[in-house]
Amino acid sequence: MDPAYRVQARIFKALSDPNRLAILELLRSGEQCACVLLEQLSLTQSGLSYHMKILCASGLVDSRQEGKWTHYRLNPTGGERAIDFLRQLTTPLPPS
């Protein structure tokens, strides 16, 4: 199997959970501290960490550490890469 498929599958895994979709929606308004995300979601700290690990691995979200808190933001190119991959995957090849 092409290793690129494994990397690209992370995008679909990230988008396949309602909690992660809610996190992405919250991040649309800008960078958020994990503490703020916890206040707005029905997740434990370990649950949030699990979801953020998947979102960061997919390339859709970036993180940075500030003191004891992690701050998250949408990756500026992550969404475009996901759209490009989906478009490529679902566009029929021309007849040969």
Protein backbone atom coordinates (compact mmCIF):
# COMPACT_ATOMS: atom_id res chain seq x y z
CA MET A 1 0.00 0.00 0.00
CA ASP A 2 1.23 3.47 -0.88
CA PRO A 3 2.45 5.24 2.32
CA ALA A 4 0.72 8.42 1.11
CA TYR A 5 -2.64 6.67 1.63
CA ARG A 6 -1.83 6.18 5.31
CA VAL A 7 -1.09 9.87 5.70
CA GLN A 8 -4.19 10.90 3.77
CA ALA A 9 -6.40 8.48 5.72
CA ARG A 10 -5.60 10.51 8.84
CA ILE A 11 -7.67 13.33 7.38
CA PHE A 12 -10.75 11.14 7.11
CA LYS A 13 -10.17 9.73 10.59
CA ALA A 14 -10.00 13.29 11.94
CA LEU A 15 -13.28 14.20 10.24
CA SER A 16 -15.13 11.04 11.27
CA ASP A 17 -15.97 12.01 14.86
CA PRO A 18 -18.60 14.53 16.03
CA ASN A 19 -16.35 15.79 18.85
CA ARG A 20 -13.55 16.55 16.41
CA LEU A 21 -15.97 18.32 14.07
CA ALA A 22 -17.11 20.46 17.02
CA ILE A 23 -13.48 21.28 17.86
CA LEU A 24 -12.81 22.32 14.27
CA GLU A 25 -15.88 24.56 14.37
CA LEU A 26 -14.62 26.22 17.57
CA LEU A 27 -11.19 26.77 16.04
CA ARG A 28 -12.70 28.60 13.07
CA SER A 29 -12.89 31.73 15.25
CA GLY A 30 -9.15 31.60 15.90
CA GLU A 31 -6.57 30.07 18.18
CA GLN A 32 -7.97 28.56 21.36
CA CYS A 33 -6.34 27.42 24.58
CA ALA A 34 -7.14 23.85 25.58
CA CYS A 35 -8.68 25.29 28.76
CA VAL A 36 -11.19 27.27 26.66
CA LEU A 37 -12.01 24.25 24.52
CA LEU A 38 -12.63 22.19 27.66
CA GLU A 39 -15.14 24.78 28.91
CA GLN A 40 -17.10 24.60 25.67
CA LEU A 41 -17.12 20.83 25.14
CA SER A 42 -18.38 17.88 27.14
CA LEU A 43 -14.96 16.25 27.28
CA THR A 44 -12.44 15.39 29.96
CA GLN A 45 -8.90 16.71 29.63
CA SER A 46 -7.69 13.28 28.51
CA GLY A 47 -10.56 13.06 25.99
CA LEU A 48 -9.64 16.45 24.55
CA SER A 49 -5.97 15.43 24.34
CA TYR A 50 -6.93 12.28 22.44
CA HIS A 51 -8.98 14.21 19.88
CA MET A 52 -6.36 16.94 19.50
CA LYS A 53 -3.64 14.34 18.86
CA ILE A 54 -5.70 12.98 15.94
CA LEU A 55 -6.49 16.45 14.58
CA CYS A 56 -2.83 17.50 14.74
CA ALA A 57 -1.68 14.23 13.13
CA SER A 58 -4.09 14.85 10.26
CA GLY A 59 -2.48 18.21 9.50
CA LEU A 60 -5.77 20.07 9.99
CA VAL A 61 -4.71 21.62 13.33
CA ASP A 62 -1.46 23.07 14.67
CA SER A 63 -0.49 23.37 18.31
CA ARG A 64 1.89 25.42 20.42
CA GLN A 65 2.81 25.21 24.08
CA GLU A 66 2.52 28.22 26.39
CA GLY A 67 3.32 27.43 29.99
CA LYS A 68 1.25 24.46 31.08
CA TRP A 69 -1.41 24.98 28.42
CA THR A 70 -1.47 24.03 24.78
CA HIS A 71 -3.02 26.38 22.24
CA TYR A 72 -4.57 25.09 19.04
CA ARG A 73 -5.40 26.69 15.70
CA LEU A 74 -6.49 25.57 12.27
CA ASN A 75 -3.55 24.84 10.00
CA PRO A 76 -3.79 27.46 7.24
CA THR A 77 -3.14 24.89 4.49
CA GLY A 78 -4.62 21.77 6.10
CA GLY A 79 -8.13 22.27 4.76
CA GLU A 80 -6.93 22.97 1.24
CA ARG A 81 -4.78 19.82 1.25
CA ALA A 82 -7.79 17.80 2.43
CA ILE A 83 -10.03 19.28 -0.28
CA ASP A 84 -7.40 18.71 -2.97
CA PHE A 85 -6.96 15.09 -1.92
CA LEU A 86 -10.72 14.43 -1.86
CA ARG A 87 -11.13 16.08 -5.27
CA GLN A 88 -8.28 14.01 -6.71
CA LEU A 89 -9.62 10.80 -5.19
CA THR A 90 -13.16 11.30 -6.47
CA THR A 91 -12.44 12.65 -9.97
CA PRO A 92 -12.68 9.96 -12.64
CA LEU A 93 -9.61 9.41 -14.76
CA PRO A 94 -9.94 10.26 -18.44
CA PRO A 95 -10.45 7.27 -20.72
CA SER A 96 -7.19 5.82 -21.97
